[in-house]
Amino acid sequence: MIEPCPDLPQLEYRMLFYTLPGHEWRVDAMLALLKESGAWSDDRERRFGELLGYEGWQIDYWLTYRRSHA
């Protein structure tokens, strides 16, 4: 995908997604997640990790780490 930058429409940014065969649905789900309005939350961070294929315990670890280093 190539889209204009929100604050600098004269510039474009590119998003490139790779998936394993049969996991193409993750791209649509990731794009929907990234387009959601509102602040980024732990719930959205969890869904992001799940779409990337991380296990629950790995996401829990990351959320704990992220909170302690914010």
Protein backbone atom coordinates (compact mmCIF):
# COMPACT_ATOMS: atom_id res chain seq x y z
CA MET A 1 0.00 0.00 0.00
CA ILE A 2 1.18 3.49 -0.78
CA GLU A 3 -0.62 6.34 0.95
CA PRO A 4 0.02 10.04 1.52
CA CYS A 5 1.43 11.06 4.90
CA PRO A 6 -1.34 12.60 7.02
CA ASP A 7 0.63 15.72 7.95
CA LEU A 8 2.65 16.03 4.73
CA PRO A 9 0.41 15.02 1.81
CA GLN A 10 3.19 15.74 -0.69
CA LEU A 11 5.04 12.74 0.80
CA GLU A 12 3.98 9.12 0.66
CA TYR A 13 4.66 6.15 2.86
CA ARG A 14 4.64 2.51 1.90
CA MET A 15 3.38 -0.47 3.86
CA LEU A 16 4.44 -3.91 2.76
CA PHE A 17 3.01 -7.02 4.38
CA TYR A 18 4.22 -10.61 4.18
CA THR A 19 2.19 -13.59 5.31
CA LEU A 20 2.43 -17.32 5.31
CA PRO A 21 0.12 -19.05 2.84
CA GLY A 22 -3.36 -19.21 4.31
CA HIS A 23 -2.75 -16.27 6.65
CA GLU A 24 -3.59 -13.48 4.22
CA TRP A 25 -6.54 -12.53 6.42
CA ARG A 26 -4.03 -11.09 8.89
CA VAL A 27 -3.28 -8.22 6.50
CA ASP A 28 -6.90 -7.06 6.39
CA ALA A 29 -7.19 -7.41 10.17
CA MET A 30 -3.94 -5.46 10.69
CA LEU A 31 -5.06 -2.66 8.38
CA ALA A 32 -8.40 -2.45 10.21
CA LEU A 33 -6.56 -2.30 13.54
CA LEU A 34 -4.21 0.43 12.36
CA LYS A 35 -7.11 2.52 11.02
CA GLU A 36 -9.12 2.43 14.25
CA SER A 37 -9.58 5.83 15.78
CA GLY A 38 -8.63 6.68 19.33
CA ALA A 39 -5.57 6.24 21.45
CA TRP A 40 -3.44 3.11 21.24
CA SER A 41 -4.35 0.87 24.18
CA ASP A 42 -3.19 -2.36 25.77
CA ASP A 43 -6.09 -4.12 24.06
CA ARG A 44 -4.98 -2.86 20.66
CA GLU A 45 -1.38 -3.74 21.46
CA ARG A 46 -2.52 -7.27 22.36
CA ARG A 47 -4.42 -7.65 19.08
CA PHE A 48 -1.37 -6.33 17.21
CA GLY A 49 0.82 -8.98 18.84
CA GLU A 50 -1.72 -11.71 18.11
CA LEU A 51 -1.83 -10.71 14.44
CA LEU A 52 1.96 -10.90 14.34
CA GLY A 53 1.75 -14.44 15.71
CA TYR A 54 3.02 -13.94 19.25
CA GLU A 55 1.73 -16.20 22.01
CA GLY A 56 -0.28 -14.83 24.92
CA TRP A 57 2.57 -15.08 27.43
CA GLN A 58 4.87 -13.18 25.07
CA ILE A 59 2.34 -10.39 24.67
CA ASP A 60 1.81 -10.25 28.45
CA TYR A 61 5.56 -9.93 28.95
CA TRP A 62 5.75 -7.12 26.37
CA LEU A 63 2.84 -5.22 27.92
CA THR A 64 4.45 -5.42 31.36
CA TYR A 65 7.80 -4.31 29.94
CA ARG A 66 6.21 -1.46 27.98
CA ARG A 67 4.36 -0.15 31.05
CA SER A 68 7.50 -0.22 33.20
CA HIS A 69 9.53 1.70 30.59
CA ALA A 70 6.92 4.32 29.63
